[in-house]
């Protein structure tokens, strides 16, 4: 089980030449603060949830709602939640939590490392065989997730899912990243031109993207068979998203009417966030044979 003893975590995983410290966060949820010569980051142990990444000289690249609530077992609005081991609603059990359970359970810290290039690396693990009976009833297949975060001027996320059971595993997943943008109406996304997508706002109607993506109303789309790089072109900067092991790209902004109903997005919060998610979802879910693994990797660079 994941340790939440802060003294024990600091004793085992603090780094001499990089700042890395475990603290009690809001709601009593432990978090880790990291700082190196390139950037700072804050990561919650619940969900191994990145809540902030600030490269030197930049505003926070990650958007976190001013109205976010922090409580054990509850998802947080903003940051980089991990959707796993299914994406969206469960295909057959509507009472199961949307986007799986990985974002609402404590992950185990396995390793921290100061790399020679000045970056900081932290390794988390989630072993489903160690979770409570309620979650194991939802997901009886023994599955191991190992999540490596490498933080510096570039942020790299690597999630390795291993099937420890005797049956094939069907995996849906995403890095559900909320990017911080200056003004959603002046933001566009390039790299998905000509790609087919399923539009949730029109009953998952299949459409084809014409030109860059702009957001002037609710956008909730799953772009299919998309392995290419994507760029968020903000008025102040460009955020490049490179990925491997991902066949879907999800683009989401709830716009005002939906945001107001959500309650935790903050006043006009939708104007300053855009989710562009490296995923395997809907038609692109992954099959992992017994004893095999799959790696989902994403890299974020500021230009």
Protein backbone atom coordinates (compact mmCIF):
# COMPACT_ATOMS: atom_id res chain seq x y z
CA UNK A 1 0.00 0.00 0.00
CA UNK A 2 1.09 3.59 -0.58
CA UNK A 3 2.84 5.16 2.40
CA UNK A 4 1.51 8.53 3.55
CA UNK A 5 4.00 9.01 6.40
CA UNK A 6 5.69 12.26 5.43
CA UNK A 7 8.76 11.73 7.60
CA UNK A 8 9.27 8.30 6.11
CA UNK A 9 8.81 9.58 2.54
CA UNK A 10 11.25 12.45 3.07
CA UNK A 11 13.79 10.13 4.66
CA UNK A 12 13.65 7.63 1.80
CA UNK A 13 13.25 9.87 -1.22
CA UNK A 14 14.66 13.36 -0.59
CA UNK A 15 17.50 14.41 -2.89
CA UNK A 16 20.71 16.13 -1.80
CA UNK A 17 21.27 18.17 -4.95
CA UNK A 18 17.66 18.91 -5.96
CA UNK A 19 14.83 20.28 -3.84
CA UNK A 20 12.28 17.52 -3.35
CA UNK A 21 10.05 17.51 -0.31
CA UNK A 22 6.87 15.69 0.72
CA UNK A 23 4.27 17.81 2.51
CA UNK A 24 0.65 17.63 3.65
CA UNK A 25 -1.56 19.20 1.00
CA UNK A 26 -5.13 20.44 1.15
CA UNK A 27 -7.58 17.88 2.46
CA UNK A 28 -4.72 16.10 4.20
CA UNK A 29 -3.56 14.58 0.92
CA UNK A 30 0.24 14.24 0.70
CA UNK A 31 2.03 15.94 -2.13
CA UNK A 32 5.59 16.38 -3.34
CA UNK A 33 7.18 19.68 -4.29
CA UNK A 34 10.11 19.57 -6.71
CA UNK A 35 12.48 22.29 -7.86
CA UNK A 36 15.57 22.09 -10.05
CA UNK A 37 17.51 24.60 -12.15
CA UNK A 38 14.93 24.40 -14.94
CA UNK A 39 11.49 24.31 -13.35
CA UNK A 40 9.24 23.65 -10.38
CA UNK A 41 6.44 21.10 -10.01
CA UNK A 42 3.83 19.99 -7.51
CA UNK A 43 2.47 16.43 -7.60
CA UNK A 44 -0.26 14.95 -5.42
CA UNK A 45 0.24 11.35 -4.30
CA UNK A 46 -3.47 10.81 -4.86
CA UNK A 47 -3.58 9.88 -8.51
CA UNK A 48 0.13 10.75 -8.97
CA UNK A 49 -1.61 13.92 -10.11
CA UNK A 50 0.60 16.72 -11.46
CA UNK A 51 -0.93 19.99 -10.28
CA UNK A 52 1.73 22.44 -11.43
CA UNK A 53 4.70 22.62 -13.80
CA UNK A 54 6.42 25.97 -14.19
CA UNK A 55 9.51 26.12 -16.42
CA UNK A 56 11.81 29.04 -15.63
CA UNK A 57 10.53 32.34 -16.99
CA UNK A 58 7.07 30.94 -17.77
CA UNK A 59 3.61 31.06 -16.27
CA UNK A 60 2.30 27.70 -15.08
CA UNK A 61 1.79 25.43 -18.09
CA UNK A 62 -0.80 23.42 -16.16
CA UNK A 63 -4.22 24.85 -15.28
CA UNK A 64 -5.73 24.09 -11.87
CA UNK A 65 -9.16 25.42 -10.98
CA UNK A 66 -9.33 28.07 -8.27
CA UNK A 67 -12.46 26.22 -7.13
CA UNK A 68 -10.89 22.75 -7.09
CA UNK A 69 -11.77 20.63 -4.07
CA UNK A 70 -9.27 18.33 -2.39
CA UNK A 71 -10.56 15.26 -0.58
CA UNK A 72 -9.53 11.64 -0.30
CA UNK A 73 -11.16 9.57 -3.01
CA UNK A 74 -12.38 12.59 -4.99
CA UNK A 75 -11.05 13.74 -8.36
CA UNK A 76 -9.49 17.21 -8.68
CA UNK A 77 -10.53 19.70 -11.35
CA UNK A 78 -7.44 20.58 -13.34
CA UNK A 79 -3.83 19.44 -13.40
CA UNK A 80 -2.97 16.17 -15.13
CA UNK A 81 -5.33 13.44 -13.96
CA UNK A 82 -4.62 9.92 -15.18
CA UNK A 83 -7.67 8.28 -16.77
CA UNK A 84 -7.08 4.54 -16.24
CA UNK A 85 -7.91 1.66 -16.78
CA UNK A 86 -10.87 2.92 -18.79
CA UNK A 87 -11.64 6.24 -20.43
CA UNK A 88 -15.01 7.98 -20.04
CA UNK A 89 -17.92 5.95 -18.81
CA UNK A 90 -17.36 2.24 -18.16
CA UNK A 91 -18.68 0.32 -21.16
CA UNK A 92 -21.13 -1.79 -19.15
CA UNK A 93 -21.31 -0.56 -15.54
CA UNK A 94 -22.75 2.95 -15.37
CA UNK A 95 -22.27 3.08 -11.59
CA UNK A 96 -18.51 2.75 -11.93
CA UNK A 97 -16.58 6.06 -11.81
CA UNK A 98 -15.97 7.88 -15.08
CA UNK A 99 -12.37 7.65 -16.30
CA UNK A 100 -11.53 4.78 -13.94
CA UNK A 101 -10.12 4.84 -10.43
CA UNK A 102 -6.42 5.68 -10.87
CA UNK A 103 -6.94 9.40 -10.30
CA UNK A 104 -8.67 8.92 -6.92
CA UNK A 105 -6.36 6.43 -5.15
CA UNK A 106 -2.95 6.90 -3.56
CA UNK A 107 0.02 5.82 -5.65
CA UNK A 108 3.20 4.42 -4.13
CA UNK A 109 6.43 6.37 -4.54
CA UNK A 110 9.12 3.92 -5.68
CA UNK A 111 12.11 6.08 -6.60
CA UNK A 112 13.39 9.64 -6.99
CA UNK A 113 16.48 10.62 -8.93
CA UNK A 114 18.48 13.73 -9.80
CA UNK A 115 19.59 13.16 -13.39
CA UNK A 116 22.99 14.23 -14.71
CA UNK A 117 21.37 16.70 -17.12
CA UNK A 118 19.77 18.56 -14.19
CA UNK A 119 16.26 17.12 -14.55
CA UNK A 120 14.41 15.43 -11.69
CA UNK A 121 12.69 12.07 -12.01
CA UNK A 122 10.09 10.48 -9.77
CA UNK A 123 8.61 7.01 -10.14
CA UNK A 124 5.14 6.03 -8.92
CA UNK A 125 3.46 2.62 -8.88
CA UNK A 126 -0.12 1.39 -8.68
CA UNK A 127 -0.68 -2.33 -8.10
CA UNK A 128 -4.36 -3.21 -8.38
CA UNK A 129 -3.87 -6.35 -6.26
CA UNK A 130 -3.08 -4.02 -3.33
CA UNK A 131 -6.19 -1.86 -3.66
CA UNK A 132 -9.34 -2.27 -1.59
CA UNK A 133 -12.04 -4.83 -2.30
CA UNK A 134 -14.41 -2.26 -3.82
CA UNK A 135 -11.91 -1.38 -6.54
CA UNK A 136 -10.85 -4.97 -7.11
CA UNK A 137 -14.51 -5.83 -7.66
CA UNK A 138 -14.56 -3.21 -10.44
CA UNK A 139 -11.25 -4.40 -11.90
CA UNK A 140 -10.49 -8.04 -10.95
CA UNK A 141 -7.58 -8.44 -13.37
CA UNK A 142 -4.19 -8.11 -11.68
CA UNK A 143 -2.64 -5.05 -13.33
CA UNK A 144 0.48 -3.04 -12.56
CA UNK A 145 0.92 0.60 -13.56
CA UNK A 146 4.32 2.30 -13.30
CA UNK A 147 4.37 6.06 -13.89
CA UNK A 148 7.64 7.91 -14.50
CA UNK A 149 7.65 11.71 -14.47
CA UNK A 150 10.75 13.52 -15.69
CA UNK A 151 10.66 17.21 -14.89
CA UNK A 152 12.82 20.02 -16.20
CA UNK A 153 12.56 22.52 -19.02
CA UNK A 154 10.61 19.71 -20.72
CA UNK A 155 7.99 17.57 -18.96
CA UNK A 156 7.92 13.88 -19.89
CA UNK A 157 5.22 11.45 -18.74
CA UNK A 158 5.58 7.69 -19.18
CA UNK A 159 2.91 5.24 -18.03
CA UNK A 160 3.66 1.53 -18.36
CA UNK A 161 0.72 -0.84 -17.88
CA UNK A 162 1.53 -4.52 -17.34
CA UNK A 163 -1.04 -7.31 -17.50
CA UNK A 164 -0.24 -9.59 -14.57
CA UNK A 165 -3.33 -11.76 -15.10
CA UNK A 166 -4.00 -14.83 -17.25
CA UNK A 167 -6.52 -13.08 -19.51
CA UNK A 168 -6.17 -10.41 -22.18
CA UNK A 169 -6.69 -6.91 -20.82
CA UNK A 170 -8.65 -4.18 -22.59
CA UNK A 171 -7.19 -0.82 -21.63
CA UNK A 172 -8.55 2.70 -22.04
CA UNK A 173 -6.39 5.54 -20.77
CA UNK A 174 -5.39 9.19 -21.08
CA UNK A 175 -3.20 11.90 -19.69
CA UNK A 176 -6.16 14.23 -19.12
CA UNK A 177 -3.99 17.37 -19.20
CA UNK A 178 -5.54 20.76 -18.50
CA UNK A 179 -3.32 23.31 -20.24
CA UNK A 180 -3.24 26.91 -19.08
CA UNK A 181 -4.07 29.30 -21.93
CA UNK A 182 -4.34 33.08 -21.95
CA UNK A 183 -7.65 33.32 -23.81
CA UNK A 184 -9.46 30.29 -25.21
CA UNK A 185 -10.99 32.39 -28.01
CA UNK A 186 -7.50 33.30 -29.25
CA UNK A 187 -6.10 29.76 -28.92
CA UNK A 188 -5.90 27.21 -31.69
CA UNK A 189 -4.68 23.63 -31.95
CA UNK A 190 -2.72 22.42 -34.98
CA UNK A 191 -1.63 18.94 -36.02
CA UNK A 192 -5.04 17.31 -36.28
CA UNK A 193 -6.07 18.72 -39.65
CA UNK A 194 -7.85 16.16 -41.81
CA UNK A 195 -8.30 13.71 -38.92
CA UNK A 196 -11.58 11.97 -38.15
CA UNK A 197 -13.11 12.57 -34.75
CA UNK A 198 -16.14 11.58 -32.71
CA UNK A 199 -18.09 14.61 -31.51
CA UNK A 200 -19.63 14.00 -28.09
CA UNK A 201 -21.69 17.19 -28.35
CA UNK A 202 -23.63 15.71 -31.28
CA UNK A 203 -24.05 12.13 -30.04
CA UNK A 204 -20.58 10.93 -31.07
CA UNK A 205 -21.20 11.80 -34.69
CA UNK A 206 -18.14 11.09 -36.85
CA UNK A 207 -16.67 14.19 -38.47
CA UNK A 208 -13.45 15.32 -40.15
CA UNK A 209 -11.35 18.22 -38.91
CA UNK A 210 -11.01 21.07 -41.39
CA UNK A 211 -8.12 23.37 -40.56
CA UNK A 212 -6.81 24.17 -37.05
CA UNK A 213 -9.10 23.62 -34.06
CA UNK A 214 -10.59 26.78 -32.60
CA UNK A 215 -12.89 26.98 -29.58
CA UNK A 216 -15.92 29.28 -29.71
CA UNK A 217 -18.40 26.90 -28.07
CA UNK A 218 -18.36 23.58 -26.20
CA UNK A 219 -15.78 21.21 -27.72
CA UNK A 220 -15.65 17.54 -26.67
CA UNK A 221 -13.96 15.38 -29.31
CA UNK A 222 -12.02 12.15 -29.60
CA UNK A 223 -9.68 12.29 -32.60
CA UNK A 224 -8.99 8.78 -33.89
CA UNK A 225 -5.78 7.21 -35.20
CA UNK A 226 -3.74 10.29 -34.31
CA UNK A 227 -0.10 9.63 -33.51
CA UNK A 228 1.18 12.97 -34.82
CA UNK A 229 2.55 15.87 -32.77
CA UNK A 230 0.04 18.51 -31.71
CA UNK A 231 0.69 22.19 -30.94
CA UNK A 232 -1.42 24.47 -28.76
CA UNK A 233 -0.90 27.94 -30.22
CA UNK A 234 -1.66 30.44 -27.46
CA UNK A 235 -1.29 34.19 -27.88
CA UNK A 236 1.71 34.14 -25.52
CA UNK A 237 3.41 30.81 -26.31
CA UNK A 238 3.22 27.49 -28.10
CA UNK A 239 2.96 24.18 -26.28
CA UNK A 240 4.18 21.19 -28.29
CA UNK A 241 2.79 17.76 -27.42
CA UNK A 242 4.71 14.73 -28.65
CA UNK A 243 3.48 11.25 -27.85
CA UNK A 244 4.07 7.54 -28.27
CA UNK A 245 1.77 4.59 -27.63
CA UNK A 246 -1.29 6.80 -28.13
CA UNK A 247 -3.76 6.50 -30.99
CA UNK A 248 -6.38 8.98 -29.73
CA UNK A 249 -6.23 12.69 -29.01
CA UNK A 250 -9.01 14.16 -26.91
CA UNK A 251 -9.76 17.90 -27.11
CA UNK A 252 -12.14 19.36 -24.53
CA UNK A 253 -13.41 22.71 -23.34
CA UNK A 254 -16.85 22.78 -21.67
CA UNK A 255 -17.65 26.43 -22.52
CA UNK A 256 -19.78 28.59 -20.26
CA UNK A 257 -23.11 26.76 -19.95
CA UNK A 258 -21.61 23.37 -19.08
CA UNK A 259 -18.89 24.96 -16.91
CA UNK A 260 -21.49 26.79 -14.83
CA UNK A 261 -23.28 23.50 -14.14
CA UNK A 262 -20.03 21.78 -13.11
CA UNK A 263 -19.51 24.14 -10.20
CA UNK A 264 -15.79 23.54 -9.67
CA UNK A 265 -14.35 25.16 -12.79
CA UNK A 266 -14.27 28.63 -11.26
CA UNK A 267 -15.72 31.87 -12.59
CA UNK A 268 -14.95 31.94 -16.32
CA UNK A 269 -12.34 29.25 -15.73
CA UNK A 270 -13.22 27.73 -19.09
CA UNK A 271 -11.64 30.78 -20.76
CA UNK A 272 -8.19 29.87 -19.46
CA UNK A 273 -8.05 26.09 -19.89
CA UNK A 274 -7.92 23.61 -22.72
CA UNK A 275 -7.62 19.86 -22.37
CA UNK A 276 -5.56 18.17 -25.08
CA UNK A 277 -5.18 14.56 -24.01
CA UNK A 278 -2.85 11.83 -25.21
CA UNK A 279 -5.14 8.83 -25.01
CA UNK A 280 -6.26 5.40 -26.14
CA UNK A 281 -10.03 5.63 -26.14
CA UNK A 282 -13.27 4.49 -27.81
CA UNK A 283 -12.17 2.75 -31.05
CA UNK A 284 -8.49 2.93 -30.08
CA UNK A 285 -8.46 1.05 -26.78
CA UNK A 286 -5.46 -1.21 -26.29
CA UNK A 287 -5.41 -5.00 -25.88
CA UNK A 288 -2.58 -6.29 -23.65
CA UNK A 289 -1.89 -10.02 -23.67
CA UNK A 290 -1.11 -11.86 -20.40
CA UNK A 291 2.41 -11.03 -19.26
CA UNK A 292 2.76 -8.17 -21.74
CA UNK A 293 2.99 -4.40 -21.25
CA UNK A 294 2.02 -1.19 -23.00
CA UNK A 295 3.73 2.20 -22.69
CA UNK A 296 1.96 5.55 -23.08
CA UNK A 297 4.40 8.44 -23.33
CA UNK A 298 3.89 12.18 -23.74
CA UNK A 299 6.35 15.08 -23.81
CA UNK A 300 5.45 18.75 -23.36
CA UNK A 301 7.76 21.49 -24.65
CA UNK A 302 7.31 25.26 -24.54
CA UNK A 303 8.27 27.36 -27.57
